[in-house]
Amino acid sequence: MRVIRRFENLQSGMVAVVGIPFDANSSFMQGPALAPAKIRKAWNSGSMNLCAESGIDLDTQPNFVDLGDLDIAGAPAIVEKIEKAIGEFLSHNIRIISLGGDHAITYPVVKSCSTRFAKLDILHLDAHPDLYDSYDGNRYSNACPFARIMEEKLASRLVQVGIRTLNPHQRKQARRFGVKIIDMQNLHKASAIQWENPLYLSIDLDVLDPAFAPGVSHYEPGGMSTRQVIELIQGLPVPIAGADIVEFNPKRDPQEITAMVAAKILKEVAARMLELPVEVI
């Protein structure tokens, strides 16, 4: 994965990694702002090669690049700053994999992506639906991004997989926005989902059972295995227009297990994006 620091070096069709080290809207504990650096450390550790399971060697792919981290430390109007920065990248006709950060980053990232596609569907993997209208008085909390996305009609469709914490308020929100939820006890139904439009893929690492990804802020036992998440990614039949990997908390990651899981998932997402190109409007 080449590191690119200048816009003029971007070329149409590239898939680029961007770190968004932001966790000020975390509803429980901070730490995910440290994640982009830890994922890159795992990626470059030498303990695994950079070949995805499809056979794509990401180490030799000129169209797979790293744009570094957004400089957002202490910035005011953080949502607007993320939206603008991602929009500038997307204007070069590239696709972005964002490394969070907490799940609050998804709203401004999707807001930028939605301007590039006539129709955009979202596949959201998570233990939590993140559909609160507001959480502790914060409408931009990491518990609220999909409420903001759906009320602003930034996506044609939202499908959530792996959910196992659906409370009455969020159930009502899901009905309000027409969200399709496949909870963990019905996970087998995920393979039957029919997709037509380009897809935004949002992966909260706590969709995984804590046995596979202990480095998260919100432990919710009974989740997916790493293999189940990978197979879901590999089986997506439509192009991935953009993606994020969020809620990795290095402060809770013994032996850097979750960092390696995040790097593995990054490999498979990037490979799938390179396999299936997409046209923007």
C-alpha atoms as a PDB file:
ATOM      1  CA  MET A   1       0.000   0.000   0.000  1.00  0.00           C
ATOM      2  CA  ARG A   2       1.730   3.132  -1.242  1.00  0.00           C
ATOM      3  CA  VAL A   3       1.484   6.290   0.847  1.00  0.00           C
ATOM      4  CA  ILE A   4       0.238   9.323  -1.116  1.00  0.00           C
ATOM      5  CA  ARG A   5       0.307  12.806   0.364  1.00  0.00           C
ATOM      6  CA  ARG A   6      -0.534  14.980  -2.641  1.00  0.00           C
ATOM      7  CA  PHE A   7      -3.835  15.241  -4.494  1.00  0.00           C
ATOM      8  CA  GLU A   8      -2.145  15.442  -7.873  1.00  0.00           C
ATOM      9  CA  ASN A   9      -0.896  11.887  -7.416  1.00  0.00           C
ATOM     10  CA  LEU A  10      -4.435  10.534  -7.116  1.00  0.00           C
ATOM     11  CA  GLN A  11      -5.782   8.706 -10.144  1.00  0.00           C
ATOM     12  CA  SER A  12      -9.324   7.742 -11.065  1.00  0.00           C
ATOM     13  CA  GLY A  13     -10.255   4.258  -9.909  1.00  0.00           C
ATOM     14  CA  MET A  14      -7.965   4.130  -6.888  1.00  0.00           C
ATOM     15  CA  VAL A  15      -9.067   2.652  -3.574  1.00  0.00           C
ATOM     16  CA  ALA A  16      -7.582   4.659  -0.724  1.00  0.00           C
ATOM     17  CA  VAL A  17      -7.316   4.210   3.034  1.00  0.00           C
ATOM     18  CA  VAL A  18      -7.903   7.296   5.189  1.00  0.00           C
ATOM     19  CA  GLY A  19      -7.543   7.374   8.961  1.00  0.00           C
ATOM     20  CA  ILE A  20     -10.048   9.433  10.950  1.00  0.00           C
ATOM     21  CA  PRO A  21      -8.640   9.492  14.503  1.00  0.00           C
ATOM     22  CA  PHE A  22     -11.725  10.863  16.221  1.00  0.00           C
ATOM     23  CA  ASP A  23     -13.611   9.572  19.249  1.00  0.00           C
ATOM     24  CA  ALA A  24     -14.952  12.686  20.975  1.00  0.00           C
ATOM     25  CA  ASN A  25     -18.521  11.515  20.289  1.00  0.00           C
ATOM     26  CA  SER A  26     -18.029   8.115  21.917  1.00  0.00           C
ATOM     27  CA  SER A  27     -20.945   7.408  24.234  1.00  0.00           C
ATOM     28  CA  PHE A  28     -19.115   5.117  26.662  1.00  0.00           C
ATOM     29  CA  MET A  29     -15.315   5.419  26.572  1.00  0.00           C
ATOM     30  CA  GLN A  30     -12.642   6.967  24.419  1.00  0.00           C
ATOM     31  CA  GLY A  31      -9.767   5.146  22.722  1.00  0.00           C
ATOM     32  CA  PRO A  32     -10.879   4.549  19.108  1.00  0.00           C
ATOM     33  CA  ALA A  33      -8.970   7.670  18.010  1.00  0.00           C
ATOM     34  CA  LEU A  34      -5.834   5.561  18.490  1.00  0.00           C
ATOM     35  CA  ALA A  35      -7.047   2.892  16.078  1.00  0.00           C
ATOM     36  CA  PRO A  36      -5.753   4.021  12.650  1.00  0.00           C
ATOM     37  CA  ALA A  37      -2.134   3.941  13.808  1.00  0.00           C
ATOM     38  CA  LYS A  38      -2.567   0.533  15.430  1.00  0.00           C
ATOM     39  CA  ILE A  39      -4.235  -0.959  12.343  1.00  0.00           C
ATOM     40  CA  ARG A  40      -1.380   0.293  10.162  1.00  0.00           C
ATOM     41  CA  LYS A  41       1.124  -1.146  12.624  1.00  0.00           C
ATOM     42  CA  ALA A  42      -0.528  -4.563  12.324  1.00  0.00           C
ATOM     43  CA  TRP A  43      -0.712  -4.176   8.531  1.00  0.00           C
ATOM     44  CA  ASN A  44       3.027  -3.462   8.330  1.00  0.00           C
ATOM     45  CA  SER A  45       4.135  -5.838  11.073  1.00  0.00           C
ATOM     46  CA  GLY A  46       5.421  -8.541   8.738  1.00  0.00           C
ATOM     47  CA  SER A  47       3.499 -11.217  10.633  1.00  0.00           C
ATOM     48  CA  MET A  48       1.098 -11.596   7.702  1.00  0.00           C
ATOM     49  CA  ASN A  49       1.443 -11.035   3.990  1.00  0.00           C
ATOM     50  CA  LEU A  50      -0.821  -8.657   2.097  1.00  0.00           C
ATOM     51  CA  CYS A  51      -2.522 -11.211  -0.142  1.00  0.00           C
ATOM     52  CA  ALA A  52      -6.282 -11.322   0.231  1.00  0.00           C
ATOM     53  CA  GLU A  53      -8.014 -14.682   0.062  1.00  0.00           C
ATOM     54  CA  SER A  54      -9.091 -13.940  -3.524  1.00  0.00           C
ATOM     55  CA  GLY A  55      -5.432 -13.945  -4.525  1.00  0.00           C
ATOM     56  CA  ILE A  56      -5.070 -10.175  -4.908  1.00  0.00           C
ATOM     57  CA  ASP A  57      -1.696  -9.050  -3.559  1.00  0.00           C
ATOM     58  CA  LEU A  58      -2.402  -5.622  -2.133  1.00  0.00           C
ATOM     59  CA  ASP A  59       1.311  -4.959  -1.729  1.00  0.00           C
ATOM     60  CA  THR A  60       1.699  -4.823  -5.508  1.00  0.00           C
ATOM     61  CA  GLN A  61      -1.536  -3.006  -6.395  1.00  0.00           C
ATOM     62  CA  PRO A  62      -0.778   0.499  -7.703  1.00  0.00           C
ATOM     63  CA  ASN A  63      -4.451   1.431  -7.301  1.00  0.00           C
ATOM     64  CA  PHE A  64      -4.444   0.745  -3.564  1.00  0.00           C
ATOM     65  CA  VAL A  65      -2.993   3.632  -1.574  1.00  0.00           C
ATOM     66  CA  ASP A  66      -2.834   5.161   1.896  1.00  0.00           C
ATOM     67  CA  LEU A  67      -3.716   8.849   2.256  1.00  0.00           C
ATOM     68  CA  GLY A  68      -2.689   9.033   5.901  1.00  0.00           C
ATOM     69  CA  ASP A  69      -4.880  10.497   8.635  1.00  0.00           C
ATOM     70  CA  LEU A  70      -7.143  13.520   8.533  1.00  0.00           C
ATOM     71  CA  ASP A  71      -5.752  16.338  10.656  1.00  0.00           C
ATOM     72  CA  ILE A  72      -8.747  16.986  12.864  1.00  0.00           C
ATOM     73  CA  ALA A  73      -7.207  17.341  16.319  1.00  0.00           C
ATOM     74  CA  GLY A  74      -9.002  20.112  18.189  1.00  0.00           C
ATOM     75  CA  ALA A  75     -10.874  21.203  15.084  1.00  0.00           C
ATOM     76  CA  PRO A  76     -14.228  22.970  15.489  1.00  0.00           C
ATOM     77  CA  ALA A  77     -17.201  21.845  13.408  1.00  0.00           C
ATOM     78  CA  ILE A  78     -15.702  18.371  13.211  1.00  0.00           C
ATOM     79  CA  VAL A  79     -18.589  16.799  11.277  1.00  0.00           C
ATOM     80  CA  GLU A  80     -18.320  19.426   8.565  1.00  0.00           C
ATOM     81  CA  LYS A  81     -14.530  19.100   8.455  1.00  0.00           C
ATOM     82  CA  ILE A  82     -14.689  15.323   7.911  1.00  0.00           C
ATOM     83  CA  GLU A  83     -17.392  15.715   5.269  1.00  0.00           C
ATOM     84  CA  LYS A  84     -15.367  18.328   3.379  1.00  0.00           C
ATOM     85  CA  ALA A  85     -12.097  16.378   3.542  1.00  0.00           C
ATOM     86  CA  ILE A  86     -13.681  13.147   2.297  1.00  0.00           C
ATOM     87  CA  GLY A  87     -15.484  15.090  -0.414  1.00  0.00           C
ATOM     88  CA  GLU A  88     -12.179  16.489  -1.674  1.00  0.00           C
ATOM     89  CA  PHE A  89     -10.771  12.976  -1.964  1.00  0.00           C
ATOM     90  CA  LEU A  90     -13.866  11.658  -3.709  1.00  0.00           C
ATOM     91  CA  SER A  91     -13.741  14.466  -6.258  1.00  0.00           C
ATOM     92  CA  HIS A  92     -10.763  12.619  -7.772  1.00  0.00           C
ATOM     93  CA  ASN A  93     -13.050   9.679  -8.580  1.00  0.00           C
ATOM     94  CA  ILE A  94     -11.515   7.377  -5.996  1.00  0.00           C
ATOM     95  CA  ARG A  95     -13.153   5.247  -3.311  1.00  0.00           C
ATOM     96  CA  ILE A  96     -12.368   5.530   0.364  1.00  0.00           C
ATOM     97  CA  ILE A  97     -11.981   3.034   3.201  1.00  0.00           C
ATOM     98  CA  SER A  98     -12.124   5.067   6.405  1.00  0.00           C
ATOM     99  CA  LEU A  99     -10.412   3.793   9.535  1.00  0.00           C
ATOM    100  CA  GLY A 100     -12.125   5.149  12.641  1.00  0.00           C
ATOM    101  CA  GLY A 101     -12.408   6.402  15.116  1.00  0.00           C
ATOM    102  CA  ASP A 102     -15.820   5.906  16.662  1.00  0.00           C
ATOM    103  CA  HIS A 103     -18.976   5.261  14.657  1.00  0.00           C
ATOM    104  CA  ALA A 104     -19.854   8.951  14.633  1.00  0.00           C
ATOM    105  CA  ILE A 105     -17.511   9.363  11.638  1.00  0.00           C
ATOM    106  CA  THR A 106     -19.865   7.365   9.409  1.00  0.00           C
ATOM    107  CA  TYR A 107     -22.438  10.139   9.118  1.00  0.00           C
ATOM    108  CA  PRO A 108     -20.152  12.777   7.513  1.00  0.00           C
ATOM    109  CA  VAL A 109     -18.385  10.153   5.390  1.00  0.00           C
ATOM    110  CA  VAL A 110     -21.673   8.828   4.005  1.00  0.00           C
ATOM    111  CA  LYS A 111     -22.872  12.391   3.503  1.00  0.00           C
ATOM    112  CA  SER A 112     -19.941  12.955   1.125  1.00  0.00           C
ATOM    113  CA  CYS A 113     -20.386   9.582  -0.598  1.00  0.00           C
ATOM    114  CA  SER A 114     -24.090  10.203  -1.182  1.00  0.00           C
ATOM    115  CA  THR A 115     -23.312  13.183  -3.427  1.00  0.00           C
ATOM    116  CA  ARG A 116     -21.309  10.917  -5.752  1.00  0.00           C
ATOM    117  CA  PHE A 117     -23.918   8.232  -6.359  1.00  0.00           C
ATOM    118  CA  ALA A 118     -27.466   8.515  -7.664  1.00  0.00           C
ATOM    119  CA  LYS A 119     -28.478   5.658  -5.350  1.00  0.00           C
ATOM    120  CA  LEU A 120     -26.494   4.325  -2.414  1.00  0.00           C
ATOM    121  CA  ASP A 121     -27.390   1.387  -0.187  1.00  0.00           C
ATOM    122  CA  ILE A 122     -25.786   0.749   3.203  1.00  0.00           C
ATOM    123  CA  LEU A 123     -24.822  -2.550   4.788  1.00  0.00           C
ATOM    124  CA  HIS A 124     -24.123  -1.943   8.469  1.00  0.00           C
ATOM    125  CA  LEU A 125     -22.483  -4.695  10.560  1.00  0.00           C
ATOM    126  CA  ASP A 126     -22.780  -4.025  14.283  1.00  0.00           C
ATOM    127  CA  ALA A 127     -23.979  -5.291  17.643  1.00  0.00           C
ATOM    128  CA  HIS A 128     -25.910  -2.012  17.961  1.00  0.00           C
ATOM    129  CA  PRO A 129     -28.293  -0.318  15.507  1.00  0.00           C
ATOM    130  CA  ASP A 130     -26.959   3.207  16.301  1.00  0.00           C
ATOM    131  CA  LEU A 131     -30.364   4.671  15.514  1.00  0.00           C
ATOM    132  CA  TYR A 132     -30.894   6.852  18.585  1.00  0.00           C
ATOM    133  CA  ASP A 133     -32.434  10.199  17.771  1.00  0.00           C
ATOM    134  CA  SER A 134     -30.149  11.615  20.443  1.00  0.00           C
ATOM    135  CA  TYR A 135     -27.939  10.045  23.096  1.00  0.00           C
ATOM    136  CA  ASP A 136     -27.148  11.924  26.317  1.00  0.00           C
ATOM    137  CA  GLY A 137     -28.214  15.092  24.533  1.00  0.00           C
ATOM    138  CA  ASN A 138     -25.815  14.563  21.618  1.00  0.00           C
ATOM    139  CA  ARG A 139     -27.397  14.077  18.184  1.00  0.00           C
ATOM    140  CA  TYR A 140     -23.964  13.320  16.716  1.00  0.00           C
ATOM    141  CA  SER A 141     -23.044  10.624  19.221  1.00  0.00           C
ATOM    142  CA  ASN A 142     -21.641   7.319  17.972  1.00  0.00           C
ATOM    143  CA  ALA A 143     -25.054   5.930  18.975  1.00  0.00           C
ATOM    144  CA  CYS A 144     -26.859   8.138  16.405  1.00  0.00           C
ATOM    145  CA  PRO A 145     -25.161   8.147  12.954  1.00  0.00           C
ATOM    146  CA  PHE A 146     -27.758   6.071  11.129  1.00  0.00           C
ATOM    147  CA  ALA A 147     -30.618   8.212  12.413  1.00  0.00           C
ATOM    148  CA  ARG A 148     -28.891  11.252  10.874  1.00  0.00           C
ATOM    149  CA  ILE A 149     -28.187   9.370   7.641  1.00  0.00           C
ATOM    150  CA  MET A 150     -31.727   8.140   7.188  1.00  0.00           C
ATOM    151  CA  GLU A 151     -33.532  11.323   8.197  1.00  0.00           C
ATOM    152  CA  GLU A 152     -31.461  13.232   5.624  1.00  0.00           C
ATOM    153  CA  LYS A 153     -32.191  10.539   3.007  1.00  0.00           C
ATOM    154  CA  LEU A 154     -28.510   9.975   2.314  1.00  0.00           C
ATOM    155  CA  ALA A 155     -29.130   6.315   1.461  1.00  0.00           C
ATOM    156  CA  SER A 156     -31.789   4.503  -0.509  1.00  0.00           C
ATOM    157  CA  ARG A 157     -31.702   1.533   1.834  1.00  0.00           C
ATOM    158  CA  LEU A 158     -30.172   0.542   5.164  1.00  0.00           C
ATOM    159  CA  VAL A 159     -29.668  -3.105   6.114  1.00  0.00           C
ATOM    160  CA  GLN A 160     -28.222  -3.892   9.541  1.00  0.00           C
ATOM    161  CA  VAL A 161     -26.706  -7.297  10.312  1.00  0.00           C
ATOM    162  CA  GLY A 162     -25.526  -8.751  13.611  1.00  0.00           C
ATOM    163  CA  ILE A 163     -27.722  -6.591  15.842  1.00  0.00           C
ATOM    164  CA  ARG A 164     -28.288  -7.931  19.346  1.00  0.00           C
ATOM    165  CA  THR A 165     -29.164  -4.870  21.455  1.00  0.00           C
ATOM    166  CA  LEU A 166     -32.363  -3.558  19.890  1.00  0.00           C
ATOM    167  CA  ASN A 167     -34.368  -1.587  22.448  1.00  0.00           C
ATOM    168  CA  PRO A 168     -37.897  -0.127  22.036  1.00  0.00           C
ATOM    169  CA  HIS A 169     -36.728   3.347  20.989  1.00  0.00           C
ATOM    170  CA  GLN A 170     -34.431   2.039  18.290  1.00  0.00           C
ATOM    171  CA  ARG A 171     -37.025  -0.480  17.136  1.00  0.00           C
ATOM    172  CA  LYS A 172     -39.389   2.457  16.629  1.00  0.00           C
ATOM    173  CA  GLN A 173     -36.657   4.349  14.769  1.00  0.00           C
ATOM    174  CA  ALA A 174     -36.053   1.342  12.529  1.00  0.00           C
ATOM    175  CA  ARG A 175     -39.740   1.255  11.591  1.00  0.00           C
ATOM    176  CA  ARG A 176     -39.734   5.008  11.018  1.00  0.00           C
ATOM    177  CA  PHE A 177     -36.856   4.814   8.545  1.00  0.00           C
ATOM    178  CA  GLY A 178     -37.730   1.469   6.953  1.00  0.00           C
ATOM    179  CA  VAL A 179     -34.537  -0.185   8.159  1.00  0.00           C
ATOM    180  CA  LYS A 180     -34.159  -3.908   7.555  1.00  0.00           C
ATOM    181  CA  ILE A 181     -32.586  -5.548  10.616  1.00  0.00           C
ATOM    182  CA  ILE A 182     -31.164  -9.056  10.591  1.00  0.00           C
ATOM    183  CA  ASP A 183     -30.330  -9.783  14.193  1.00  0.00           C
ATOM    184  CA  MET A 184     -27.867 -12.401  15.344  1.00  0.00           C
ATOM    185  CA  GLN A 185     -30.489 -15.046  16.012  1.00  0.00           C
ATOM    186  CA  ASN A 186     -31.496 -14.770  12.334  1.00  0.00           C
ATOM    187  CA  LEU A 187     -28.009 -14.364  10.894  1.00  0.00           C
ATOM    188  CA  HIS A 188     -28.587 -17.137   8.350  1.00  0.00           C
ATOM    189  CA  LYS A 189     -30.918 -14.775   6.491  1.00  0.00           C
ATOM    190  CA  ALA A 190     -28.084 -12.377   5.638  1.00  0.00           C
ATOM    191  CA  SER A 191     -26.937 -14.482   2.701  1.00  0.00           C
ATOM    192  CA  ALA A 192     -30.329 -14.052   1.027  1.00  0.00           C
ATOM    193  CA  ILE A 193     -30.193 -10.248   0.879  1.00  0.00           C
ATOM    194  CA  GLN A 194     -30.608  -8.947  -2.671  1.00  0.00           C
ATOM    195  CA  TRP A 195     -28.495  -5.933  -3.626  1.00  0.00           C
ATOM    196  CA  GLU A 196     -28.831  -3.750  -6.704  1.00  0.00           C
ATOM    197  CA  ASN A 197     -27.198  -0.381  -5.990  1.00  0.00           C
ATOM    198  CA  PRO A 198     -23.599   0.474  -5.101  1.00  0.00           C
ATOM    199  CA  LEU A 199     -23.025  -0.304  -1.457  1.00  0.00           C
ATOM    200  CA  TYR A 200     -21.538   1.568   1.461  1.00  0.00           C
ATOM    201  CA  LEU A 201     -20.166  -0.940   3.969  1.00  0.00           C
ATOM    202  CA  SER A 202     -19.876   0.099   7.611  1.00  0.00           C
ATOM    203  CA  ILE A 203     -18.178  -2.388   9.929  1.00  0.00           C
ATOM    204  CA  ASP A 204     -18.269  -1.801  13.667  1.00  0.00           C
ATOM    205  CA  LEU A 205     -15.847  -4.325  15.106  1.00  0.00           C
ATOM    206  CA  ASP A 206     -18.171  -5.105  17.990  1.00  0.00           C
ATOM    207  CA  VAL A 207     -20.325  -6.981  15.472  1.00  0.00           C
ATOM    208  CA  LEU A 208     -17.767  -9.687  16.249  1.00  0.00           C
ATOM    209  CA  ASP A 209     -18.070 -11.731  19.392  1.00  0.00           C
ATOM    210  CA  PRO A 210     -15.602 -10.373  21.989  1.00  0.00           C
ATOM    211  CA  ALA A 211     -13.762 -13.700  21.762  1.00  0.00           C
ATOM    212  CA  PHE A 212     -12.629 -12.657  18.274  1.00  0.00           C
ATOM    213  CA  ALA A 213     -12.275  -8.899  18.856  1.00  0.00           C
ATOM    214  CA  PRO A 214     -11.737  -8.009  22.511  1.00  0.00           C
ATOM    215  CA  GLY A 215     -10.416  -4.551  21.654  1.00  0.00           C
ATOM    216  CA  VAL A 216     -13.733  -2.703  21.543  1.00  0.00           C
ATOM    217  CA  SER A 217     -15.442  -0.319  23.936  1.00  0.00           C
ATOM    218  CA  HIS A 218     -18.807  -2.095  24.060  1.00  0.00           C
ATOM    219  CA  TYR A 219     -18.618  -5.815  24.853  1.00  0.00           C
ATOM    220  CA  GLU A 220     -21.692  -7.640  23.572  1.00  0.00           C
ATOM    221  CA  PRO A 221     -21.260 -11.440  23.657  1.00  0.00           C
ATOM    222  CA  GLY A 222     -22.954 -13.664  21.108  1.00  0.00           C
ATOM    223  CA  GLY A 223     -21.659 -11.983  17.962  1.00  0.00           C
ATOM    224  CA  MET A 224     -20.281 -13.045  14.613  1.00  0.00           C
ATOM    225  CA  SER A 225     -17.025 -14.857  14.058  1.00  0.00           C
ATOM    226  CA  THR A 226     -14.237 -13.332  12.001  1.00  0.00           C
ATOM    227  CA  ARG A 227     -14.859 -15.990   9.334  1.00  0.00           C
ATOM    228  CA  GLN A 228     -18.553 -15.086   9.107  1.00  0.00           C
ATOM    229  CA  VAL A 229     -17.740 -11.401   8.552  1.00  0.00           C
ATOM    230  CA  ILE A 230     -15.126 -12.241   5.907  1.00  0.00           C
ATOM    231  CA  GLU A 231     -17.488 -14.565   4.039  1.00  0.00           C
ATOM    232  CA  LEU A 232     -20.172 -11.883   4.031  1.00  0.00           C
ATOM    233  CA  ILE A 233     -17.711  -9.363   2.533  1.00  0.00           C
ATOM    234  CA  GLN A 234     -16.450 -11.837  -0.057  1.00  0.00           C
ATOM    235  CA  GLY A 235     -19.993 -12.666  -1.137  1.00  0.00           C
ATOM    236  CA  LEU A 236     -21.151  -9.114  -1.847  1.00  0.00           C
ATOM    237  CA  PRO A 237     -22.406  -9.138  -5.451  1.00  0.00           C
ATOM    238  CA  VAL A 238     -22.385  -5.357  -6.060  1.00  0.00           C
ATOM    239  CA  PRO A 239     -19.551  -2.797  -6.024  1.00  0.00           C
ATOM    240  CA  ILE A 240     -18.560  -1.288  -2.687  1.00  0.00           C
ATOM    241  CA  ALA A 241     -18.726   2.489  -3.123  1.00  0.00           C
ATOM    242  CA  GLY A 242     -17.058   3.180   0.211  1.00  0.00           C
ATOM    243  CA  ALA A 243     -16.432   1.559   3.556  1.00  0.00           C
ATOM    244  CA  ASP A 244     -15.428   2.184   7.119  1.00  0.00           C
ATOM    245  CA  ILE A 245     -13.973   0.060   9.902  1.00  0.00           C
ATOM    246  CA  VAL A 246     -14.761   1.635  13.258  1.00  0.00           C
ATOM    247  CA  GLU A 247     -14.897   1.260  17.035  1.00  0.00           C
ATOM    248  CA  PHE A 248     -11.580  -0.552  17.477  1.00  0.00           C
ATOM    249  CA  ASN A 249     -10.311   0.548  20.896  1.00  0.00           C
ATOM    250  CA  PRO A 250      -6.584  -0.240  21.316  1.00  0.00           C
ATOM    251  CA  LYS A 251      -6.833   0.496  25.032  1.00  0.00           C
ATOM    252  CA  ARG A 252      -8.761  -2.773  25.429  1.00  0.00           C
ATOM    253  CA  ASP A 253      -6.801  -4.927  22.991  1.00  0.00           C
ATOM    254  CA  PRO A 254      -4.643  -7.590  24.685  1.00  0.00           C
ATOM    255  CA  GLN A 255      -1.739  -8.787  22.542  1.00  0.00           C
ATOM    256  CA  GLU A 256      -3.019  -6.578  19.668  1.00  0.00           C
ATOM    257  CA  ILE A 257      -5.471  -9.306  18.640  1.00  0.00           C
ATOM    258  CA  THR A 258      -8.138  -6.895  17.411  1.00  0.00           C
ATOM    259  CA  ALA A 259      -5.580  -4.836  15.487  1.00  0.00           C
ATOM    260  CA  MET A 260      -4.766  -7.944  13.447  1.00  0.00           C
ATOM    261  CA  VAL A 261      -8.466  -8.681  12.942  1.00  0.00           C
ATOM    262  CA  ALA A 262      -9.010  -5.123  11.694  1.00  0.00           C
ATOM    263  CA  ALA A 263      -6.050  -5.434   9.309  1.00  0.00           C
ATOM    264  CA  LYS A 264      -7.401  -8.746   7.999  1.00  0.00           C
ATOM    265  CA  ILE A 265     -10.851  -7.247   7.401  1.00  0.00           C
ATOM    266  CA  LEU A 266      -9.226  -4.260   5.703  1.00  0.00           C
ATOM    267  CA  LYS A 267      -7.470  -6.653   3.319  1.00  0.00           C
ATOM    268  CA  GLU A 268     -10.679  -8.380   2.346  1.00  0.00           C
ATOM    269  CA  VAL A 269     -12.672  -5.151   1.937  1.00  0.00           C
ATOM    270  CA  ALA A 270      -9.943  -3.575  -0.209  1.00  0.00           C
ATOM    271  CA  ALA A 271      -9.656  -6.667  -2.389  1.00  0.00           C
ATOM    272  CA  ARG A 272     -13.414  -6.783  -2.954  1.00  0.00           C
ATOM    273  CA  MET A 273     -13.440  -3.118  -3.906  1.00  0.00           C
ATOM    274  CA  LEU A 274     -10.638  -3.658  -6.419  1.00  0.00           C
ATOM    275  CA  GLU A 275     -12.422  -6.683  -7.873  1.00  0.00           C
ATOM    276  CA  LEU A 276     -15.655  -4.786  -8.546  1.00  0.00           C
ATOM    277  CA  PRO A 277     -15.216  -1.250  -9.937  1.00  0.00           C
ATOM    278  CA  VAL A 278     -18.027   1.253  -9.711  1.00  0.00           C
ATOM    279  CA  GLU A 279     -19.181   4.229 -11.766  1.00  0.00           C
ATOM    280  CA  VAL A 280     -20.071   7.485 -10.048  1.00  0.00           C
ATOM    281  CA  ILE A 281     -22.687   9.947 -11.257  1.00  0.00           C
END
